[in-house]
C-alpha atoms as a PDB file:
ATOM      1  CA  MET A   1     -59.004  -7.460 -12.366  1.00  0.00           C
ATOM      2  CA  THR A   2     -62.576  -6.437 -11.584  1.00  0.00           C
ATOM      3  CA  ILE A   3     -64.699  -8.602  -9.297  1.00  0.00           C
ATOM      4  CA  PRO A   4     -68.479  -8.578  -9.695  1.00  0.00           C
ATOM      5  CA  VAL A   5     -70.529  -8.347  -6.503  1.00  0.00           C
ATOM      6  CA  TYR A   6     -74.145  -9.527  -6.618  1.00  0.00           C
ATOM      7  CA  ILE A   7     -76.375  -8.259  -3.818  1.00  0.00           C
ATOM      8  CA  ILE A   8     -79.322 -10.641  -3.728  1.00  0.00           C
ATOM      9  CA  CYS A   9     -82.320  -8.622  -2.653  1.00  0.00           C
ATOM     10  CA  THR A  10     -84.982 -10.573  -0.771  1.00  0.00           C
ATOM     11  CA  GLY A  11     -86.789  -7.376   0.196  1.00  0.00           C
ATOM     12  CA  ASN A  12     -86.840  -3.778  -0.997  1.00  0.00           C
ATOM     13  CA  PRO A  13     -83.959  -2.970  -3.413  1.00  0.00           C
ATOM     14  CA  GLU A  14     -84.075   0.640  -2.167  1.00  0.00           C
ATOM     15  CA  SER A  15     -83.672  -0.315   1.497  1.00  0.00           C
ATOM     16  CA  SER A  16     -80.920   1.020   3.750  1.00  0.00           C
ATOM     17  CA  TYR A  17     -79.578  -2.549   4.047  1.00  0.00           C
ATOM     18  CA  VAL A  18     -78.896  -2.688   0.306  1.00  0.00           C
ATOM     19  CA  ALA A  19     -77.453   0.840   0.368  1.00  0.00           C
ATOM     20  CA  LYS A  20     -74.970  -0.105   3.110  1.00  0.00           C
ATOM     21  CA  LEU A  21     -73.842  -3.230   1.254  1.00  0.00           C
ATOM     22  CA  THR A  22     -73.426  -1.181  -1.920  1.00  0.00           C
ATOM     23  CA  ALA A  23     -71.235   1.281  -0.011  1.00  0.00           C
ATOM     24  CA  LEU A  24     -69.176  -1.625   1.351  1.00  0.00           C
ATOM     25  CA  PHE A  25     -68.031  -2.542  -2.178  1.00  0.00           C
ATOM     26  CA  ASP A  26     -68.127   0.927  -3.701  1.00  0.00           C
ATOM     27  CA  CYS A  27     -64.650   1.183  -5.187  1.00  0.00           C
ATOM     28  CA  GLY A  28     -63.127   0.572  -8.590  1.00  0.00           C
ATOM     29  CA  TYR A  29     -62.137  -3.015  -7.780  1.00  0.00           C
ATOM     30  CA  PHE A  30     -65.791  -4.166  -7.692  1.00  0.00           C
ATOM     31  CA  ASP A  31     -68.735  -4.000 -10.078  1.00  0.00           C
ATOM     32  CA  ILE A  32     -71.979  -4.050  -8.081  1.00  0.00           C
ATOM     33  CA  PHE A  33     -75.279  -5.578  -9.199  1.00  0.00           C
ATOM     34  CA  VAL A  34     -78.512  -5.672  -7.211  1.00  0.00           C
ATOM     35  CA  VAL A  35     -80.449  -8.847  -8.064  1.00  0.00           C
ATOM     36  CA  LYS A  36     -84.127  -8.740  -7.086  1.00  0.00           C
ATOM     37  CA  CYS A  37     -85.659 -12.089  -6.133  1.00  0.00           C
ATOM     38  CA  GLU A  38     -88.941 -13.113  -7.742  1.00  0.00           C
ATOM     39  CA  ASP A  39     -91.908 -12.548  -5.450  1.00  0.00           C
ATOM     40  CA  ASP A  40     -94.289 -15.288  -6.510  1.00  0.00           C
ATOM     41  CA  ILE A  41     -92.299 -18.429  -5.595  1.00  0.00           C
ATOM     42  CA  ASP A  42     -90.983 -20.179  -2.470  1.00  0.00           C
ATOM     43  CA  THR A  43     -88.253 -18.290  -0.575  1.00  0.00           C
ATOM     44  CA  ASN A  44     -85.654 -21.051  -0.960  1.00  0.00           C
ATOM     45  CA  GLU A  45     -86.442 -21.439  -4.658  1.00  0.00           C
ATOM     46  CA  LYS A  46     -86.322 -17.736  -5.459  1.00  0.00           C
ATOM     47  CA  GLU A  47     -82.964 -17.340  -3.696  1.00  0.00           C
ATOM     48  CA  LYS A  48     -81.600 -20.326  -5.652  1.00  0.00           C
ATOM     49  CA  LYS A  49     -82.744 -18.722  -8.898  1.00  0.00           C
ATOM     50  CA  ALA A  50     -81.078 -15.447  -7.945  1.00  0.00           C
ATOM     51  CA  ILE A  51     -77.815 -17.247  -7.118  1.00  0.00           C
ATOM     52  CA  ILE A  52     -77.871 -19.186 -10.400  1.00  0.00           C
ATOM     53  CA  TYR A  53     -78.562 -15.975 -12.319  1.00  0.00           C
ATOM     54  CA  SER A  54     -75.672 -14.218 -10.569  1.00  0.00           C
ATOM     55  CA  LEU A  55     -73.191 -17.043 -11.197  1.00  0.00           C
ATOM     56  CA  THR A  56     -74.267 -17.310 -14.842  1.00  0.00           C
ATOM     57  CA  ASN A  57     -73.923 -13.556 -15.355  1.00  0.00           C
ATOM     58  CA  ALA A  58     -70.452 -13.643 -13.780  1.00  0.00           C
ATOM     59  CA  LYS A  59     -69.414 -16.496 -16.082  1.00  0.00           C
ATOM     60  CA  GLU A  60     -70.601 -14.645 -19.185  1.00  0.00           C
ATOM     61  CA  ILE A  61     -69.146 -11.217 -18.406  1.00  0.00           C
ATOM     62  CA  TYR A  62     -66.312 -11.851 -15.904  1.00  0.00           C
ATOM     63  CA  CYS A  63     -65.086 -15.213 -17.114  1.00  0.00           C
ATOM     64  CA  ASP A  64     -61.652 -15.161 -15.481  1.00  0.00           C
ATOM     65  CA  SER A  65     -62.580 -13.355 -12.265  1.00  0.00           C
ATOM     66  CA  ALA A  66     -63.794 -14.476  -8.891  1.00  0.00           C
ATOM     67  CA  CYS A  67     -67.285 -13.289  -7.976  1.00  0.00           C
ATOM     68  CA  ILE A  68     -69.044 -12.411  -4.722  1.00  0.00           C
ATOM     69  CA  ILE A  69     -72.646 -13.055  -3.721  1.00  0.00           C
ATOM     70  CA  VAL A  70     -74.074 -11.411  -0.599  1.00  0.00           C
ATOM     71  CA  LYS A  71     -77.690 -11.244   0.570  1.00  0.00           C
ATOM     72  CA  ASP A  72     -79.368  -8.054   1.679  1.00  0.00           C
ATOM     73  CA  TYR A  73     -79.875  -9.180   5.299  1.00  0.00           C
ATOM     74  CA  MET A  74     -76.102  -9.262   5.871  1.00  0.00           C
ATOM     75  CA  PHE A  75     -73.945  -6.395   7.109  1.00  0.00           C
ATOM     76  CA  SER A  76     -70.343  -5.479   7.807  1.00  0.00           C
ATOM     77  CA  ASN A  77     -68.611  -2.660   9.649  1.00  0.00           C
ATOM     78  CA  LEU A  78     -65.524  -2.877   7.456  1.00  0.00           C
ATOM     79  CA  SER A  79     -64.759   0.165   5.371  1.00  0.00           C
ATOM     80  CA  CYS A  80     -64.794  -0.165   1.606  1.00  0.00           C
ATOM     81  CA  ASN A  81     -61.007   0.220   1.579  1.00  0.00           C
ATOM     82  CA  ASN A  82     -60.529  -2.580   4.123  1.00  0.00           C
ATOM     83  CA  MET A  83     -62.877  -4.861   2.210  1.00  0.00           C
ATOM     84  CA  TYR A  84     -60.940  -4.107  -0.967  1.00  0.00           C
ATOM     85  CA  ASN A  85     -57.605  -4.946   0.684  1.00  0.00           C
ATOM     86  CA  LEU A  86     -59.043  -8.134   2.184  1.00  0.00           C
ATOM     87  CA  ILE A  87     -60.500  -9.502  -1.036  1.00  0.00           C
ATOM     88  CA  LYS A  88     -57.450  -8.471  -3.049  1.00  0.00           C
ATOM     89  CA  SER A  89     -55.105 -10.264  -0.617  1.00  0.00           C
ATOM     90  CA  ILE A  90     -57.068 -13.515  -0.958  1.00  0.00           C
ATOM     91  CA  VAL A  91     -57.613 -13.421  -4.715  1.00  0.00           C
ATOM     92  CA  GLU A  92     -54.066 -12.428  -5.636  1.00  0.00           C
ATOM     93  CA  ASP A  93     -52.133 -14.654  -3.213  1.00  0.00           C
ATOM     94  CA  ASP A  94     -50.532 -17.403  -5.309  1.00  0.00           C
ATOM     95  CA  LYS A  95     -49.919 -19.610  -2.261  1.00  0.00           C
ATOM     96  CA  CYS A  96     -53.595 -19.660  -1.311  1.00  0.00           C
ATOM     97  CA  SER A  97     -55.682 -22.411  -2.929  1.00  0.00           C
ATOM     98  CA  TRP A  98     -59.472 -22.138  -2.613  1.00  0.00           C
ATOM     99  CA  ASP A  99     -62.704 -22.487  -4.579  1.00  0.00           C
ATOM    100  CA  VAL A 100     -65.356 -21.202  -2.169  1.00  0.00           C
ATOM    101  CA  CYS A 101     -64.547 -18.528   0.407  1.00  0.00           C
ATOM    102  CA  TYR A 102     -67.051 -17.907   3.199  1.00  0.00           C
ATOM    103  CA  LEU A 103     -67.097 -14.225   4.076  1.00  0.00           C
ATOM    104  CA  ALA A 104     -69.742 -15.340   6.579  1.00  0.00           C
ATOM    105  CA  ARG A 105     -70.480 -18.833   7.827  1.00  0.00           C
ATOM    106  CA  TYR A 106     -72.475 -20.454  10.598  1.00  0.00           C
ATOM    107  CA  LEU A 107     -72.596 -23.800  12.409  1.00  0.00           C
ATOM    108  CA  ASP A 108     -69.235 -24.901  11.035  1.00  0.00           C
ATOM    109  CA  LYS A 109     -67.137 -27.474  12.892  1.00  0.00           C
ATOM    110  CA  CYS A 110     -64.424 -24.811  13.205  1.00  0.00           C
ATOM    111  CA  ASP A 111     -61.658 -27.418  13.171  1.00  0.00           C
ATOM    112  CA  GLY A 112     -59.908 -26.141  10.038  1.00  0.00           C
ATOM    113  CA  THR A 113     -56.263 -25.256   9.638  1.00  0.00           C
ATOM    114  CA  VAL A 114     -54.908 -21.798   8.881  1.00  0.00           C
ATOM    115  CA  VAL A 115     -54.305 -21.206   5.175  1.00  0.00           C
ATOM    116  CA  LEU A 116     -53.386 -17.533   5.241  1.00  0.00           C
ATOM    117  CA  PRO A 117     -52.743 -15.687   8.541  1.00  0.00           C
ATOM    118  CA  ASP A 118     -53.300 -12.034   9.392  1.00  0.00           C
ATOM    119  CA  ILE A 119     -55.557 -11.114   6.489  1.00  0.00           C
ATOM    120  CA  THR A 120     -57.903  -9.026   8.628  1.00  0.00           C
ATOM    121  CA  THR A 121     -57.799  -7.246  11.952  1.00  0.00           C
ATOM    122  CA  GLY A 122     -57.139 -10.291  14.100  1.00  0.00           C
ATOM    123  CA  GLY A 123     -58.442 -12.762  11.518  1.00  0.00           C
ATOM    124  CA  SER A 124     -57.124 -15.515   9.278  1.00  0.00           C
ATOM    125  CA  LEU A 125     -58.185 -17.589   6.309  1.00  0.00           C
ATOM    126  CA  VAL A 126     -58.904 -21.159   7.448  1.00  0.00           C
ATOM    127  CA  THR A 127     -60.035 -24.361   5.775  1.00  0.00           C
ATOM    128  CA  SER A 128     -63.750 -25.059   6.089  1.00  0.00           C
ATOM    129  CA  ASN A 129     -65.354 -28.425   5.368  1.00  0.00           C
ATOM    130  CA  ASP A 130     -68.794 -28.267   6.952  1.00  0.00           C
ATOM    131  CA  ALA A 131     -70.037 -24.678   7.018  1.00  0.00           C
ATOM    132  CA  GLU A 132     -73.612 -23.656   6.399  1.00  0.00           C
ATOM    133  CA  GLY A 133     -74.805 -20.551   4.670  1.00  0.00           C
ATOM    134  CA  ASP A 134     -74.904 -19.084   1.181  1.00  0.00           C
ATOM    135  CA  ASP A 135     -75.370 -15.563   2.512  1.00  0.00           C
ATOM    136  CA  ALA A 136     -71.931 -14.047   1.802  1.00  0.00           C
ATOM    137  CA  LEU A 137     -69.618 -16.075  -0.420  1.00  0.00           C
ATOM    138  CA  MET A 138     -66.807 -15.569  -2.894  1.00  0.00           C
ATOM    139  CA  PHE A 139     -66.410 -18.093  -5.716  1.00  0.00           C
ATOM    140  CA  SER A 140     -63.440 -18.925  -7.898  1.00  0.00           C
ATOM    141  CA  PRO A 141     -64.170 -19.351 -11.633  1.00  0.00           C
ATOM    142  CA  LYS A 142     -63.956 -23.139 -11.147  1.00  0.00           C
ATOM    143  CA  ALA A 143     -66.530 -23.132  -8.333  1.00  0.00           C
ATOM    144  CA  ARG A 144     -68.773 -20.706 -10.199  1.00  0.00           C
ATOM    145  CA  ASP A 145     -68.929 -22.902 -13.297  1.00  0.00           C
ATOM    146  CA  LEU A 146     -69.466 -26.146 -11.367  1.00  0.00           C
ATOM    147  CA  LEU A 147     -72.149 -24.743  -9.086  1.00  0.00           C
ATOM    148  CA  ILE A 148     -74.333 -23.260 -11.822  1.00  0.00           C
ATOM    149  CA  SER A 149     -75.489 -26.731 -12.867  1.00  0.00           C
ATOM    150  CA  ALA A 150     -75.069 -28.362  -9.437  1.00  0.00           C
ATOM    151  CA  ILE A 151     -77.447 -25.920  -7.718  1.00  0.00           C
ATOM    152  CA  ASP A 152     -79.891 -25.893 -10.629  1.00  0.00           C
ATOM    153  CA  ASN A 153     -80.139 -29.699 -10.753  1.00  0.00           C
ATOM    154  CA  CYS A 154     -80.440 -30.292  -7.007  1.00  0.00           C
ATOM    155  CA  ASN A 155     -83.613 -30.216  -4.893  1.00  0.00           C
ATOM    156  CA  LYS A 156     -81.635 -29.063  -1.861  1.00  0.00           C
ATOM    157  CA  SER A 157     -80.875 -25.484  -0.921  1.00  0.00           C
ATOM    158  CA  ALA A 158     -77.920 -23.727  -2.501  1.00  0.00           C
ATOM    159  CA  SER A 159     -76.166 -23.802   0.882  1.00  0.00           C
ATOM    160  CA  ASP A 160     -76.532 -27.604   1.150  1.00  0.00           C
ATOM    161  CA  THR A 161     -75.392 -28.095  -2.445  1.00  0.00           C
ATOM    162  CA  ILE A 162     -72.257 -25.987  -1.924  1.00  0.00           C
ATOM    163  CA  ASN A 163     -71.536 -27.837   1.325  1.00  0.00           C
ATOM    164  CA  ALA A 164     -71.926 -31.217  -0.413  1.00  0.00           C
ATOM    165  CA  GLN A 165     -69.513 -30.253  -3.194  1.00  0.00           C
ATOM    166  CA  ILE A 166     -66.926 -29.281  -0.569  1.00  0.00           C
ATOM    167  CA  ASN A 167     -67.482 -32.464   1.466  1.00  0.00           C
ATOM    168  CA  ASP A 168     -67.076 -34.561  -1.699  1.00  0.00           C
ATOM    169  CA  ASP A 169     -63.716 -32.829  -2.334  1.00  0.00           C
ATOM    170  CA  LYS A 170     -64.933 -31.409  -5.624  1.00  0.00           C
ATOM    171  CA  LEU A 171     -64.330 -27.923  -4.269  1.00  0.00           C
ATOM    172  CA  LYS A 172     -62.018 -26.539  -1.596  1.00  0.00           C
ATOM    173  CA  GLY A 173     -63.726 -24.415   1.017  1.00  0.00           C
ATOM    174  CA  VAL A 174     -62.078 -21.716   3.112  1.00  0.00           C
ATOM    175  CA  ALA A 175     -63.499 -19.160   5.528  1.00  0.00           C
ATOM    176  CA  ILE A 176     -62.452 -15.868   7.039  1.00  0.00           C
ATOM    177  CA  SER A 177     -62.398 -16.380  10.789  1.00  0.00           C
ATOM    178  CA  PRO A 178     -63.740 -14.496  12.601  1.00  0.00           C
ATOM    179  CA  PRO A 179     -66.212 -13.545   9.848  1.00  0.00           C
ATOM    180  CA  VAL A 180     -66.087 -10.079   8.311  1.00  0.00           C
ATOM    181  CA  VAL A 181     -69.701 -10.154   7.149  1.00  0.00           C
ATOM    182  CA  SER A 182     -72.466 -10.974   9.609  1.00  0.00           C
ATOM    183  CA  TYR A 183     -76.134 -11.854   9.661  1.00  0.00           C
ATOM    184  CA  ASN A 184     -78.333  -9.007  10.850  1.00  0.00           C
ATOM    185  CA  PRO A 185     -80.200 -10.387  13.897  1.00  0.00           C
ATOM    186  CA  VAL A 186     -83.156  -8.060  13.321  1.00  0.00           C
ATOM    187  CA  PHE A 187     -84.286 -10.592  10.708  1.00  0.00           C
ATOM    188  CA  GLY A 188     -84.758 -13.195  13.451  1.00  0.00           C
ATOM    189  CA  ASP A 189     -82.700 -16.294  12.525  1.00  0.00           C
ATOM    190  CA  MET A 190     -80.347 -16.274  15.520  1.00  0.00           C
ATOM    191  CA  GLU A 191     -78.737 -19.568  14.446  1.00  0.00           C
ATOM    192  CA  LYS A 192     -76.934 -17.630  11.741  1.00  0.00           C
ATOM    193  CA  THR A 193     -75.136 -15.514  14.331  1.00  0.00           C
ATOM    194  CA  TRP A 194     -73.015 -18.499  15.496  1.00  0.00           C
ATOM    195  CA  GLU A 195     -69.871 -19.220  13.544  1.00  0.00           C
ATOM    196  CA  CYS A 196     -69.386 -22.699  15.052  1.00  0.00           C
ATOM    197  CA  ASP A 197     -71.729 -25.545  15.904  1.00  0.00           C
ATOM    198  CA  GLY A 198     -72.066 -27.051  19.372  1.00  0.00           C
ATOM    199  CA  LYS A 199     -68.921 -29.138  18.888  1.00  0.00           C
ATOM    200  CA  GLY A 200     -66.747 -26.112  18.253  1.00  0.00           C
ATOM    201  CA  LYS A 201     -66.030 -23.020  20.249  1.00  0.00           C
ATOM    202  CA  PRO A 202     -68.323 -20.202  19.131  1.00  0.00           C
ATOM    203  CA  ILE A 203     -66.340 -17.251  17.823  1.00  0.00           C
ATOM    204  CA  PRO A 204     -68.097 -13.868  17.759  1.00  0.00           C
ATOM    205  CA  PRO A 205     -68.004 -12.029  14.417  1.00  0.00           C
ATOM    206  CA  ASN A 206     -65.053  -9.724  13.828  1.00  0.00           C
ATOM    207  CA  ASN A 207     -66.431  -7.198  11.377  1.00  0.00           C
ATOM    208  CA  ASP A 208     -65.003  -3.993  12.726  1.00  0.00           C
ATOM    209  CA  ASP A 209     -62.032  -1.933  11.588  1.00  0.00           C
ATOM    210  CA  GLY A 210     -59.765  -2.994  14.414  1.00  0.00           C
ATOM    211  CA  CYS A 211     -61.682  -1.391  17.281  1.00  0.00           C
ATOM    212  CA  SER A 212     -61.545  -3.398  20.469  1.00  0.00           C
ATOM    213  CA  TYR A 213     -64.264  -3.261  23.108  1.00  0.00           C
ATOM    214  CA  THR A 214     -62.375  -5.120  25.817  1.00  0.00           C
ATOM    215  CA  TRP A 215     -61.789  -1.759  27.533  1.00  0.00           C
ATOM    216  CA  ILE A 216     -65.486  -1.356  28.384  1.00  0.00           C
ATOM    217  CA  PRO A 217     -65.593  -3.721  31.419  1.00  0.00           C
ATOM    218  CA  ILE A 218     -62.260  -2.277  32.622  1.00  0.00           C
ATOM    219  CA  LEU A 219     -63.684   1.240  32.413  1.00  0.00           C
ATOM    220  CA  LEU A 220     -66.781   0.166  34.335  1.00  0.00           C
ATOM    221  CA  LEU A 221     -64.621  -1.427  37.046  1.00  0.00           C
ATOM    222  CA  ILE A 222     -62.564   1.761  37.426  1.00  0.00           C
ATOM    223  CA  LEU A 223     -65.772   3.809  37.652  1.00  0.00           C
ATOM    224  CA  ILE A 224     -67.148   1.557  40.393  1.00  0.00           C
ATOM    225  CA  ILE A 225     -63.890   1.829  42.366  1.00  0.00           C
ATOM    226  CA  ILE A 226     -63.976   5.641  42.124  1.00  0.00           C
ATOM    227  CA  ILE A 227     -67.595   5.726  43.340  1.00  0.00           C
ATOM    228  CA  LEU A 228     -66.746   3.450  46.293  1.00  0.00           C
ATOM    229  CA  MET A 229     -63.745   5.614  47.213  1.00  0.00           C
ATOM    230  CA  ILE A 230     -65.883   8.756  47.156  1.00  0.00           C
ATOM    231  CA  TRP A 231     -68.510   7.086  49.326  1.00  0.00           C
ATOM    232  CA  PHE A 232     -65.842   5.837  51.761  1.00  0.00           C
ATOM    233  CA  PHE A 233     -64.184   9.241  52.267  1.00  0.00           C
ATOM    234  CA  PHE A 234     -67.313  11.395  52.445  1.00  0.00           C
ATOM    235  CA  TYR A 235     -70.025   9.174  53.942  1.00  0.00           C
ATOM    236  CA  ARG A 236     -68.264   6.801  56.326  1.00  0.00           C
END
């Protein structure tokens, strides 16, 4: 099975951001397409058009496959191999039922239950009923086909339309928690850096390859103790 990946380009298609996302999915399991947004219409509208185009293209060419849409202001520190293993484990697990999978989400209630444990370095697949964001999503064929018309016929954003379909139980939403794809804060919308809303416990993104940084404060503490010991023995 080949999964199409559509990188929706809101800026320069030749940017380093697009290049890094291309490298993230650069293996035989994925077919990568860069979709340039139209420049002469409203930002929300041009992103909707790009999403509809991507879903329609996936339906026509990859009818029986899931598809991934990710925007060019997102990033991940996963290797291509780890991303491949992650997506493959979700798509090919017969026990896992889902229609929309959030590779990144923000302001969710974060009260979902675990669907599939240990799919990433310290992460799990959890149910998600109130997430925001259409920035990095994977769609089942069912969700893809339903959302083509739902997004096109709705005045709301694609994110709100997807959320409404999940809340109405027309689609089942799941999310990788902590997220493996993150919003790049250099673009300024800091709200998108929070996985949970104020009612949930914010969980920082987990988009590395298993590297832990909890040793940093410990190392600093040891360094301070060494400095104090030196001062005590030589300057007291």
